[in-house]
Amino acid sequence: MDDKLREIIIQKINETLSNVDEINSIINSLEELPMHTNAFSYGVIIGRLYNSFYYQCRRILKRNPTKKEFLEFLEIIKQKEAEIKEKINF
């Protein structure tokens, strides 16, 4: 993965984790939510990070991410999984 892209993805993960209150606001704004709100929160975070990853590939590399870059993105998410889950009390 391009070093600049990796750096931005890590930055976006940290930014997302520092704004968990925004995600909680989204979840709290929904009237009827399934019992597994932590799983929903986790899904929102991962969706947000994937969107950032895809956008940054298009912006920095001027193309869609390759399969290899996507797998590297997943590896970064795996490395941060415990931190993400801890932040949302999963």
C-alpha atoms as a PDB file:
ATOM      1  CA  MET A   1       0.000   0.000   0.000  1.00  0.00           C
ATOM      2  CA  ASP A   2       1.197   3.495  -0.765  1.00  0.00           C
ATOM      3  CA  ASP A   3       2.824   4.993   2.359  1.00  0.00           C
ATOM      4  CA  LYS A   4       0.821   8.219   2.138  1.00  0.00           C
ATOM      5  CA  LEU A   5      -2.405   6.234   1.830  1.00  0.00           C
ATOM      6  CA  ARG A   6      -1.482   4.055   4.835  1.00  0.00           C
ATOM      7  CA  GLU A   7      -0.672   7.156   6.886  1.00  0.00           C
ATOM      8  CA  ILE A   8      -4.029   8.747   6.037  1.00  0.00           C
ATOM      9  CA  ILE A   9      -5.944   5.534   6.830  1.00  0.00           C
ATOM     10  CA  ILE A  10      -4.304   5.344  10.267  1.00  0.00           C
ATOM     11  CA  GLN A  11      -5.115   9.030  10.769  1.00  0.00           C
ATOM     12  CA  LYS A  12      -8.752   8.400   9.775  1.00  0.00           C
ATOM     13  CA  ILE A  13      -8.994   5.497  12.229  1.00  0.00           C
ATOM     14  CA  ASN A  14      -7.705   7.686  15.041  1.00  0.00           C
ATOM     15  CA  GLU A  15     -10.021  10.521  13.974  1.00  0.00           C
ATOM     16  CA  THR A  16     -13.014   8.185  13.900  1.00  0.00           C
ATOM     17  CA  LEU A  17     -12.186   6.811  17.336  1.00  0.00           C
ATOM     18  CA  SER A  18     -11.906  10.313  18.742  1.00  0.00           C
ATOM     19  CA  ASN A  19     -15.387  11.094  17.381  1.00  0.00           C
ATOM     20  CA  VAL A  20     -17.283   8.099  18.753  1.00  0.00           C
ATOM     21  CA  ASP A  21     -19.783  10.568  20.209  1.00  0.00           C
ATOM     22  CA  GLU A  22     -20.945  11.341  16.658  1.00  0.00           C
ATOM     23  CA  ILE A  23     -21.603   7.659  16.037  1.00  0.00           C
ATOM     24  CA  ASN A  24     -23.448   7.354  19.336  1.00  0.00           C
ATOM     25  CA  SER A  25     -25.580  10.354  18.329  1.00  0.00           C
ATOM     26  CA  ILE A  26     -26.502   8.623  15.080  1.00  0.00           C
ATOM     27  CA  ILE A  27     -27.461   5.476  16.948  1.00  0.00           C
ATOM     28  CA  ASN A  28     -29.394   7.356  19.628  1.00  0.00           C
ATOM     29  CA  SER A  29     -31.338   9.245  16.972  1.00  0.00           C
ATOM     30  CA  LEU A  30     -32.895   6.014  15.753  1.00  0.00           C
ATOM     31  CA  GLU A  31     -36.075   5.199  17.633  1.00  0.00           C
ATOM     32  CA  GLU A  32     -36.096   1.429  17.292  1.00  0.00           C
ATOM     33  CA  LEU A  33     -32.738  -0.233  17.304  1.00  0.00           C
ATOM     34  CA  PRO A  34     -31.931  -3.932  17.598  1.00  0.00           C
ATOM     35  CA  MET A  35     -30.566  -5.177  20.886  1.00  0.00           C
ATOM     36  CA  HIS A  36     -27.014  -5.292  19.512  1.00  0.00           C
ATOM     37  CA  THR A  37     -26.249  -1.577  19.360  1.00  0.00           C
ATOM     38  CA  ASN A  38     -22.523  -2.231  19.818  1.00  0.00           C
ATOM     39  CA  ALA A  39     -22.506  -4.351  16.670  1.00  0.00           C
ATOM     40  CA  PHE A  40     -24.321  -1.554  14.859  1.00  0.00           C
ATOM     41  CA  SER A  41     -21.781   0.981  16.168  1.00  0.00           C
ATOM     42  CA  TYR A  42     -18.963  -1.249  14.979  1.00  0.00           C
ATOM     43  CA  GLY A  43     -20.591  -1.488  11.555  1.00  0.00           C
ATOM     44  CA  VAL A  44     -20.921   2.299  11.326  1.00  0.00           C
ATOM     45  CA  ILE A  45     -17.249   2.731  12.209  1.00  0.00           C
ATOM     46  CA  ILE A  46     -16.082   0.124   9.695  1.00  0.00           C
ATOM     47  CA  GLY A  47     -18.327   1.640   7.011  1.00  0.00           C
ATOM     48  CA  ARG A  48     -16.938   5.071   7.701  1.00  0.00           C
ATOM     49  CA  LEU A  49     -13.368   3.790   7.513  1.00  0.00           C
ATOM     50  CA  TYR A  50     -13.997   1.858   4.307  1.00  0.00           C
ATOM     51  CA  ASN A  51     -15.500   4.954   2.742  1.00  0.00           C
ATOM     52  CA  SER A  52     -12.412   6.951   3.751  1.00  0.00           C
ATOM     53  CA  PHE A  53     -10.120   4.252   2.372  1.00  0.00           C
ATOM     54  CA  TYR A  54     -11.916   4.165  -0.961  1.00  0.00           C
ATOM     55  CA  TYR A  55     -12.085   7.960  -1.230  1.00  0.00           C
ATOM     56  CA  GLN A  56      -8.408   8.393  -0.364  1.00  0.00           C
ATOM     57  CA  CYS A  57      -7.395   5.827  -2.992  1.00  0.00           C
ATOM     58  CA  ARG A  58      -9.335   7.780  -5.581  1.00  0.00           C
ATOM     59  CA  ARG A  59      -7.898  11.104  -4.369  1.00  0.00           C
ATOM     60  CA  ILE A  60      -4.256  10.141  -3.857  1.00  0.00           C
ATOM     61  CA  LEU A  61      -3.742   7.333  -6.345  1.00  0.00           C
ATOM     62  CA  LYS A  62      -6.285   8.553  -8.917  1.00  0.00           C
ATOM     63  CA  ARG A  63      -7.784   5.061  -9.180  1.00  0.00           C
ATOM     64  CA  ASN A  64      -9.827   2.462  -7.349  1.00  0.00           C
ATOM     65  CA  PRO A  65      -8.011   0.391  -4.739  1.00  0.00           C
ATOM     66  CA  THR A  66      -6.472  -2.873  -5.867  1.00  0.00           C
ATOM     67  CA  LYS A  67      -7.306  -6.207  -4.237  1.00  0.00           C
ATOM     68  CA  LYS A  68      -3.896  -6.110  -2.531  1.00  0.00           C
ATOM     69  CA  GLU A  69      -4.532  -2.612  -1.130  1.00  0.00           C
ATOM     70  CA  PHE A  70      -7.956  -3.706   0.083  1.00  0.00           C
ATOM     71  CA  LEU A  71      -6.404  -6.695   1.887  1.00  0.00           C
ATOM     72  CA  GLU A  72      -3.829  -4.371   3.457  1.00  0.00           C
ATOM     73  CA  PHE A  73      -6.686  -2.106   4.581  1.00  0.00           C
ATOM     74  CA  LEU A  74      -8.351  -5.118   6.204  1.00  0.00           C
ATOM     75  CA  GLU A  75      -5.084  -5.952   7.954  1.00  0.00           C
ATOM     76  CA  ILE A  76      -4.940  -2.425   9.394  1.00  0.00           C
ATOM     77  CA  ILE A  77      -8.539  -2.816  10.619  1.00  0.00           C
ATOM     78  CA  LYS A  78      -7.640  -6.158  12.243  1.00  0.00           C
ATOM     79  CA  GLN A  79      -4.710  -4.518  14.012  1.00  0.00           C
ATOM     80  CA  LYS A  80      -6.994  -1.792  15.380  1.00  0.00           C
ATOM     81  CA  GLU A  81      -9.982  -4.062  16.110  1.00  0.00           C
ATOM     82  CA  ALA A  82      -9.428  -4.293  19.874  1.00  0.00           C
ATOM     83  CA  GLU A  83      -8.993  -0.519  20.138  1.00  0.00           C
ATOM     84  CA  ILE A  84     -12.170   0.103  18.134  1.00  0.00           C
ATOM     85  CA  LYS A  85     -14.190  -2.374  20.210  1.00  0.00           C
ATOM     86  CA  GLU A  86     -12.851  -0.921  23.454  1.00  0.00           C
ATOM     87  CA  LYS A  87     -13.833   2.597  22.406  1.00  0.00           C
ATOM     88  CA  ILE A  88     -17.463   1.562  21.827  1.00  0.00           C
ATOM     89  CA  ASN A  89     -17.619  -0.760  24.852  1.00  0.00           C
ATOM     90  CA  PHE A  90     -18.142  -3.821  22.651  1.00  0.00           C
END
